[in-house]
Amino acid sequence: MFISPAYAQAAGSADPTGGLMGLLPILLMFVVLWFLMIRPQMKRAKEHKALIEALTKGDEVVTQGGMAGRITKVGDNFISVELAPNVEVAVQRQAIATVLPKGTLKAL
């Protein structure tokens, strides 16, 4: 007929490495991902947490929105930042991006 008979093939030889070589590229990719992405992100998060906990009244800061000012009140969750004379804004602690060196903001 038109269809040829199918014969079973001989069983292949057993893999001497036990399939470990198949997992090696996946493990290598995870290690590279850890050192290039996850570890630096965890380090930055730890540094930002230490920066947030060390905020005190009188520090000159820049918020994540780009507003620069001097801290006038420090609370548990919110901080009052004086942007200009008689202009205060309440921002969340986590919204502080950086602390400026003392004396950076002369106008306030």
C-alpha atoms as a PDB file:
ATOM      1  CA  MET A   1       0.000   0.000   0.000  1.00  0.00           C
ATOM      2  CA  PHE A   2       0.924   3.627   0.307  1.00  0.00           C
ATOM      3  CA  ILE A   3       1.968   3.595   3.976  1.00  0.00           C
ATOM      4  CA  SER A   4       5.226   1.883   4.844  1.00  0.00           C
ATOM      5  CA  PRO A   5       5.368  -0.136   8.083  1.00  0.00           C
ATOM      6  CA  ALA A   6       6.860   1.628  11.133  1.00  0.00           C
ATOM      7  CA  TYR A   7       9.487  -0.281  13.037  1.00  0.00           C
ATOM      8  CA  ALA A   8      10.591   0.468  16.593  1.00  0.00           C
ATOM      9  CA  GLN A   9      14.039   1.964  16.881  1.00  0.00           C
ATOM     10  CA  ALA A  10      16.661   0.715  19.269  1.00  0.00           C
ATOM     11  CA  ALA A  11      16.758   2.444  22.660  1.00  0.00           C
ATOM     12  CA  GLY A  12      19.334   5.220  22.911  1.00  0.00           C
ATOM     13  CA  SER A  13      22.271   4.927  25.228  1.00  0.00           C
ATOM     14  CA  ALA A  14      21.889   6.377  28.726  1.00  0.00           C
ATOM     15  CA  ASP A  15      23.245   9.905  29.275  1.00  0.00           C
ATOM     16  CA  PRO A  16      26.402   9.534  31.424  1.00  0.00           C
ATOM     17  CA  THR A  17      26.023  13.061  32.919  1.00  0.00           C
ATOM     18  CA  GLY A  18      22.511  12.315  34.173  1.00  0.00           C
ATOM     19  CA  GLY A  19      20.967  15.398  32.556  1.00  0.00           C
ATOM     20  CA  LEU A  20      23.126  17.819  34.551  1.00  0.00           C
ATOM     21  CA  MET A  21      24.486  19.402  31.404  1.00  0.00           C
ATOM     22  CA  GLY A  22      20.934  20.302  30.408  1.00  0.00           C
ATOM     23  CA  LEU A  23      20.464  22.306  33.621  1.00  0.00           C
ATOM     24  CA  LEU A  24      23.832  24.042  33.449  1.00  0.00           C
ATOM     25  CA  PRO A  25      22.745  26.899  31.098  1.00  0.00           C
ATOM     26  CA  ILE A  26      19.702  27.638  33.267  1.00  0.00           C
ATOM     27  CA  LEU A  27      21.830  27.745  36.428  1.00  0.00           C
ATOM     28  CA  LEU A  28      24.390  29.948  34.702  1.00  0.00           C
ATOM     29  CA  MET A  29      21.683  32.384  33.577  1.00  0.00           C
ATOM     30  CA  PHE A  30      20.308  32.583  37.139  1.00  0.00           C
ATOM     31  CA  VAL A  31      23.770  33.375  38.549  1.00  0.00           C
ATOM     32  CA  VAL A  32      24.320  36.123  35.972  1.00  0.00           C
ATOM     33  CA  LEU A  33      20.851  37.548  36.671  1.00  0.00           C
ATOM     34  CA  TRP A  34      21.575  37.533  40.411  1.00  0.00           C
ATOM     35  CA  PHE A  35      24.841  39.454  40.115  1.00  0.00           C
ATOM     36  CA  LEU A  36      23.714  41.925  37.450  1.00  0.00           C
ATOM     37  CA  MET A  37      20.160  42.753  38.562  1.00  0.00           C
ATOM     38  CA  ILE A  38      18.941  41.394  41.885  1.00  0.00           C
ATOM     39  CA  ARG A  39      21.987  42.017  44.084  1.00  0.00           C
ATOM     40  CA  PRO A  40      22.517  45.705  43.085  1.00  0.00           C
ATOM     41  CA  GLN A  41      18.793  46.405  43.517  1.00  0.00           C
ATOM     42  CA  MET A  42      18.835  44.933  47.034  1.00  0.00           C
ATOM     43  CA  LYS A  43      21.921  47.011  47.877  1.00  0.00           C
ATOM     44  CA  ARG A  44      20.234  50.235  46.658  1.00  0.00           C
ATOM     45  CA  ALA A  45      17.096  49.429  48.654  1.00  0.00           C
ATOM     46  CA  LYS A  46      19.152  48.899  51.818  1.00  0.00           C
ATOM     47  CA  GLU A  47      20.993  52.208  51.304  1.00  0.00           C
ATOM     48  CA  HIS A  48      17.711  54.087  50.705  1.00  0.00           C
ATOM     49  CA  LYS A  49      16.172  52.593  53.852  1.00  0.00           C
ATOM     50  CA  ALA A  50      19.181  53.730  55.899  1.00  0.00           C
ATOM     51  CA  LEU A  51      18.921  57.215  54.344  1.00  0.00           C
ATOM     52  CA  ILE A  52      15.203  57.450  55.204  1.00  0.00           C
ATOM     53  CA  GLU A  53      15.742  56.346  58.811  1.00  0.00           C
ATOM     54  CA  ALA A  54      18.548  58.890  59.319  1.00  0.00           C
ATOM     55  CA  LEU A  55      16.499  61.961  58.299  1.00  0.00           C
ATOM     56  CA  THR A  56      16.423  64.733  60.894  1.00  0.00           C
ATOM     57  CA  LYS A  57      15.075  68.257  61.175  1.00  0.00           C
ATOM     58  CA  GLY A  58      17.231  70.724  59.231  1.00  0.00           C
ATOM     59  CA  ASP A  59      18.428  68.277  56.577  1.00  0.00           C
ATOM     60  CA  GLU A  60      18.310  69.577  53.013  1.00  0.00           C
ATOM     61  CA  VAL A  61      16.659  67.030  50.733  1.00  0.00           C
ATOM     62  CA  VAL A  62      15.423  66.451  47.206  1.00  0.00           C
ATOM     63  CA  THR A  63      12.162  64.561  46.712  1.00  0.00           C
ATOM     64  CA  GLN A  64      11.549  62.047  43.953  1.00  0.00           C
ATOM     65  CA  GLY A  65       9.423  64.705  42.270  1.00  0.00           C
ATOM     66  CA  GLY A  66      12.453  66.997  42.078  1.00  0.00           C
ATOM     67  CA  MET A  67      11.491  69.515  44.782  1.00  0.00           C
ATOM     68  CA  ALA A  68      14.380  70.658  46.961  1.00  0.00           C
ATOM     69  CA  GLY A  69      13.872  71.956  50.468  1.00  0.00           C
ATOM     70  CA  ARG A  70      14.734  71.800  54.145  1.00  0.00           C
ATOM     71  CA  ILE A  71      13.038  69.409  56.584  1.00  0.00           C
ATOM     72  CA  THR A  72      11.055  71.257  59.274  1.00  0.00           C
ATOM     73  CA  LYS A  73       9.108  68.401  60.929  1.00  0.00           C
ATOM     74  CA  VAL A  74       9.753  64.676  61.034  1.00  0.00           C
ATOM     75  CA  GLY A  75       6.930  62.225  61.714  1.00  0.00           C
ATOM     76  CA  ASP A  76       6.564  58.477  61.489  1.00  0.00           C
ATOM     77  CA  ASN A  77       5.213  58.416  57.924  1.00  0.00           C
ATOM     78  CA  PHE A  78       5.331  62.038  56.748  1.00  0.00           C
ATOM     79  CA  ILE A  79       7.935  64.797  56.678  1.00  0.00           C
ATOM     80  CA  SER A  80       7.291  68.521  56.292  1.00  0.00           C
ATOM     81  CA  VAL A  81       9.649  70.120  53.801  1.00  0.00           C
ATOM     82  CA  GLU A  82      10.034  73.905  53.531  1.00  0.00           C
ATOM     83  CA  LEU A  83      10.398  74.724  49.834  1.00  0.00           C
ATOM     84  CA  ALA A  84      10.452  78.515  50.190  1.00  0.00           C
ATOM     85  CA  PRO A  85       9.920  80.916  53.094  1.00  0.00           C
ATOM     86  CA  ASN A  86       6.467  80.171  54.608  1.00  0.00           C
ATOM     87  CA  VAL A  87       5.812  77.363  52.076  1.00  0.00           C
ATOM     88  CA  GLU A  88       5.734  73.872  53.573  1.00  0.00           C
ATOM     89  CA  VAL A  89       4.772  70.633  51.896  1.00  0.00           C
ATOM     90  CA  ALA A  90       4.085  67.302  53.575  1.00  0.00           C
ATOM     91  CA  VAL A  91       5.711  64.378  51.776  1.00  0.00           C
ATOM     92  CA  GLN A  92       5.983  60.693  52.598  1.00  0.00           C
ATOM     93  CA  ARG A  93       9.289  59.526  53.988  1.00  0.00           C
ATOM     94  CA  GLN A  94       9.753  57.151  51.055  1.00  0.00           C
ATOM     95  CA  ALA A  95       9.473  60.085  48.610  1.00  0.00           C
ATOM     96  CA  ILE A  96      12.840  61.504  49.682  1.00  0.00           C
ATOM     97  CA  ALA A  97      15.384  60.696  46.970  1.00  0.00           C
ATOM     98  CA  THR A  98      18.615  62.217  48.289  1.00  0.00           C
ATOM     99  CA  VAL A  99      20.020  64.272  51.121  1.00  0.00           C
ATOM    100  CA  LEU A 100      22.000  67.312  50.010  1.00  0.00           C
ATOM    101  CA  PRO A 101      25.148  68.530  51.741  1.00  0.00           C
ATOM    102  CA  LYS A 102      24.536  71.195  54.399  1.00  0.00           C
ATOM    103  CA  GLY A 103      24.433  74.727  53.008  1.00  0.00           C
ATOM    104  CA  THR A 104      23.384  73.709  49.486  1.00  0.00           C
ATOM    105  CA  LEU A 105      20.099  75.628  49.711  1.00  0.00           C
ATOM    106  CA  LYS A 106      21.118  79.166  50.645  1.00  0.00           C
ATOM    107  CA  ALA A 107      17.774  80.865  49.822  1.00  0.00           C
ATOM    108  CA  LEU A 108      15.769  79.123  52.552  1.00  0.00           C
END
